[in-house]
């Protein structure tokens, strides 16, 4: 039972890490498409979340 819990926890961590990696790749692609500098793009993202 403990092994199953450990496996499920590892799978959840992997899924979160994979999602974050995909999100970062998408953000980079959008930034490049917009032609924005990293700092300007960060400001743009911050403004979107306000």
Protein backbone atom coordinates (compact mmCIF):
# COMPACT_ATOMS: atom_id res chain seq x y z
CA UNK A 1 0.00 0.00 0.00
CA UNK A 2 2.81 2.42 0.84
CA UNK A 3 4.44 1.67 -2.49
CA UNK A 4 1.21 2.54 -4.31
CA UNK A 5 0.95 5.84 -2.42
CA UNK A 6 4.56 6.67 -3.23
CA UNK A 7 3.97 5.86 -6.89
CA UNK A 8 0.85 8.06 -7.00
CA UNK A 9 2.71 10.93 -5.34
CA UNK A 10 5.61 10.62 -7.78
CA UNK A 11 3.19 10.58 -10.72
CA UNK A 12 1.49 13.74 -9.42
CA UNK A 13 4.85 15.51 -9.05
CA UNK A 14 5.82 14.44 -12.56
CA UNK A 15 2.51 15.74 -13.97
CA UNK A 16 2.99 19.11 -12.24
CA UNK A 17 6.58 19.37 -13.45
CA UNK A 18 5.56 18.48 -17.00
CA UNK A 19 2.74 21.06 -16.91
CA UNK A 20 5.12 23.77 -15.65
CA UNK A 21 7.64 22.89 -18.36
CA UNK A 22 4.96 23.10 -21.06
CA UNK A 23 3.68 26.39 -19.63
CA UNK A 24 7.21 27.84 -19.67
CA UNK A 25 7.75 26.72 -23.27
CA UNK A 26 4.44 28.30 -24.31
CA UNK A 27 5.32 31.56 -22.55
CA UNK A 28 8.69 31.63 -24.30
CA UNK A 29 7.08 31.01 -27.68
CA UNK A 30 4.55 33.80 -27.09
CA UNK A 31 7.27 36.18 -25.95
CA UNK A 32 9.33 35.42 -29.05
CA UNK A 33 6.29 35.85 -31.31
CA UNK A 34 5.56 39.21 -29.71
CA UNK A 35 9.19 40.24 -30.05
CA UNK A 36 9.24 41.38 -26.43
CA UNK A 37 12.26 41.52 -24.20
CA UNK A 38 12.02 39.19 -21.17
CA UNK A 39 11.47 42.07 -18.71
CA UNK A 40 8.77 43.64 -20.89
CA UNK A 41 7.05 40.28 -21.26
CA UNK A 42 7.12 39.73 -17.49
CA UNK A 43 5.48 43.13 -17.03
CA UNK A 44 2.88 42.18 -19.64
CA UNK A 45 2.07 38.94 -17.79
CA UNK A 46 1.87 40.77 -14.45
CA UNK A 47 -0.51 43.32 -15.95
CA UNK A 48 -2.73 40.51 -17.25
CA UNK A 49 -3.11 39.01 -13.79
CA UNK A 50 -4.18 42.23 -12.06
